[in-house]
Amino acid sequence: QVQLVESGGGLVQAGGSLRLSCAASGSIFLAGWYRQAPGKQRELVATITRSGNTNYAESVKGRFTISRDNAKNTVHLEMNRLKPEDTGVFYCYAQSSFGIASWGQGTQVSVSS
């Protein structure tokens, strides 16, 4: 498994932007971001394959952009026009070609109205 470290979370007003980063200790195949609000289940936000194919949750489509740098083993999530409903702990996710999954420790994103 690889170690993942997220950064970039914080407090922002509605309509603002944040950029999350995830640094991996090694090469990964599938990467993604999940989020979890208090008392709710963790949900998928976005995924990106090694070749660059992306997928987004309908609630963030058009506002968030996921990207990666395979040479640096980093994954990013650019979040624009943030809403209070986006508030939660965001987790970086990675999966190797062998099917081994890794999770970051999470970074808090709080959006005030």
Protein backbone atom coordinates (compact mmCIF):
# COMPACT_ATOMS: atom_id res chain seq x y z
CA GLN A 1 0.00 0.00 0.00
CA VAL A 2 0.98 3.62 -0.44
CA GLN A 3 0.78 6.39 2.13
CA LEU A 4 -1.42 9.37 1.28
CA VAL A 5 -1.26 12.84 2.84
CA GLU A 6 -3.94 15.46 2.12
CA SER A 7 -3.60 19.21 2.50
CA GLY A 8 -5.40 22.40 1.49
CA GLY A 9 -8.57 22.21 3.56
CA GLY A 10 -9.92 25.12 5.53
CA LEU A 11 -12.79 27.51 6.16
CA VAL A 12 -14.26 29.44 3.25
CA GLN A 13 -17.41 31.43 2.55
CA ALA A 14 -20.03 30.19 0.12
CA GLY A 15 -18.98 30.93 -3.43
CA GLY A 16 -15.30 30.70 -2.60
CA SER A 17 -12.65 28.25 -3.75
CA LEU A 18 -10.20 25.77 -2.29
CA ARG A 19 -7.55 23.50 -3.80
CA LEU A 20 -6.89 20.17 -2.13
CA SER A 21 -3.68 18.22 -2.67
CA CYS A 22 -2.77 14.60 -2.04
CA ALA A 23 0.81 13.37 -1.97
CA ALA A 24 1.37 9.65 -2.45
CA SER A 25 4.45 7.71 -1.41
CA GLY A 26 4.39 5.66 -4.59
CA SER A 27 2.79 5.09 -7.96
CA ILE A 28 -0.99 4.58 -8.07
CA PHE A 29 -3.47 3.39 -10.67
CA LEU A 30 -6.88 4.82 -9.77
CA ALA A 31 -7.13 7.96 -7.63
CA GLY A 32 -10.06 9.82 -6.21
CA TRP A 33 -11.60 12.04 -3.58
CA TYR A 34 -14.38 11.19 -1.15
CA ARG A 35 -16.09 13.34 1.45
CA GLN A 36 -18.05 12.69 4.63
CA ALA A 37 -20.29 15.08 6.53
CA PRO A 38 -21.02 14.51 10.25
CA GLY A 39 -23.59 11.77 10.69
CA LYS A 40 -23.57 10.88 7.00
CA GLN A 41 -21.96 8.17 4.91
CA ARG A 42 -18.80 8.77 2.96
CA GLU A 43 -19.59 9.61 -0.65
CA LEU A 44 -17.63 9.66 -3.87
CA VAL A 45 -16.71 13.11 -5.18
CA ALA A 46 -14.45 12.41 -8.15
CA THR A 47 -12.12 9.80 -9.62
CA ILE A 48 -9.33 9.87 -12.16
CA THR A 49 -7.50 7.03 -13.88
CA ARG A 50 -3.79 7.01 -14.61
CA SER A 51 -4.55 7.91 -18.22
CA GLY A 52 -6.62 10.92 -17.17
CA ASN A 53 -10.22 9.73 -17.50
CA THR A 54 -12.40 11.44 -14.90
CA ASN A 55 -15.76 10.92 -13.25
CA TYR A 56 -17.68 13.30 -10.97
CA ALA A 57 -20.62 13.18 -8.62
CA GLU A 58 -23.57 15.09 -10.07
CA SER A 59 -23.56 17.49 -7.11
CA VAL A 60 -20.07 18.79 -7.94
CA LYS A 61 -20.05 18.49 -11.72
CA GLY A 62 -19.03 21.76 -13.31
CA ARG A 63 -17.62 23.14 -10.05
CA PHE A 64 -14.84 20.70 -9.10
CA THR A 65 -11.89 19.51 -11.17
CA ILE A 66 -9.70 16.53 -10.34
CA SER A 67 -6.20 16.23 -11.77
CA ARG A 68 -2.99 14.28 -11.23
CA ASP A 69 0.73 14.38 -11.89
CA ASN A 70 1.98 10.84 -12.36
CA ALA A 71 5.63 11.87 -12.27
CA LYS A 72 5.20 13.50 -8.85
CA ASN A 73 2.62 11.02 -7.54
CA THR A 74 0.23 13.81 -6.60
CA VAL A 75 -3.53 14.27 -6.98
CA HIS A 76 -5.43 17.55 -6.75
CA LEU A 77 -9.01 18.68 -6.41
CA GLU A 78 -9.87 22.24 -7.42
CA MET A 79 -13.15 23.30 -5.85
CA ASN A 80 -14.95 26.40 -7.08
CA ARG A 81 -18.27 28.03 -6.19
CA LEU A 82 -18.34 26.13 -2.91
CA LYS A 83 -21.65 25.60 -1.13
CA PRO A 84 -22.44 24.90 2.55
CA GLU A 85 -23.53 21.42 1.45
CA ASP A 86 -19.90 20.73 0.46
CA THR A 87 -18.83 20.87 4.11
CA GLY A 88 -17.18 17.72 5.38
CA VAL A 89 -13.96 15.78 5.72
CA PHE A 90 -12.37 15.10 2.34
CA TYR A 91 -10.35 11.93 1.90
CA CYS A 92 -7.85 11.07 -0.79
CA TYR A 93 -8.21 7.55 -2.19
CA ALA A 94 -5.80 5.46 -4.23
CA GLN A 95 -5.83 1.98 -5.65
CA SER A 96 -2.95 0.05 -7.16
CA SER A 97 -3.21 -2.15 -10.25
CA PHE A 98 -3.19 -5.10 -7.85
CA GLY A 99 -6.36 -3.87 -6.13
CA ILE A 100 -4.75 -2.61 -2.92
CA ALA A 101 -6.59 0.44 -1.58
CA SER A 102 -5.15 3.30 0.46
CA TRP A 103 -6.79 6.21 2.29
CA GLY A 104 -5.44 9.52 3.49
CA GLN A 105 -6.11 10.86 6.99
CA GLY A 106 -8.62 13.42 5.71
CA THR A 107 -8.72 17.21 5.56
CA GLN A 108 -11.58 19.38 6.84
CA VAL A 109 -13.48 21.62 4.44
CA SER A 110 -15.97 24.03 6.00
CA VAL A 111 -18.16 26.31 3.90
CA SER A 112 -20.13 29.02 5.67
CA SER A 113 -23.32 30.58 4.34
